[in-house]
Amino acid sequence: MTDDGPTAGWYDDPDDASRYRYWDGERWSEHRAPKTPSTPPPPPAPRAGSHRNSNAGLALGLSIGGILCCGPISTIGLVLGARELQAAKRGELNDQDRGLALAATIIGGIVTALLVLLIALLFAMAVFAGDPGPPP
């Protein structure tokens, strides 16, 4: 069994006995707090860059690609964008990626809807056109 060391939390600052310093589980952070008779302060909030990598840009590219070359690609952009929006609701994405995911979902949805309407129109034209019969 190995000892991974102390868990993340506030400890006596090794550089200044009058303060606490936050140990993040691997190293001392820059967060310090004065010692008072009360309990140590809560852990620092996660940094702004702590979000996961996003596929929102890819989703937007696929949605736009559906407009430019192949409609069904937009459906993939729609699904991927919707998935990224769910991640944004859980707080896993920054605001910029949330905006890209929203744009991908909207564009992908519009292109997919237009594609479905086009297929339905072509099908209706084929069914209702009928056979004109033999030439006279």
Foldseek 3Di string as FASTA:
>chain_A
DDDLDDDWDWDQDPVDNQKIFTDHSPGTDPDIGGDDPDDDDDDDDDDPPPADDACLQVLLVQLVVLVVPNLVSLLVSLVRLVVRCVCVVVVRDDPVSVVSSVNSNVSSVVSNVVVVVVVVVVVVCVVPVDDPDDDD
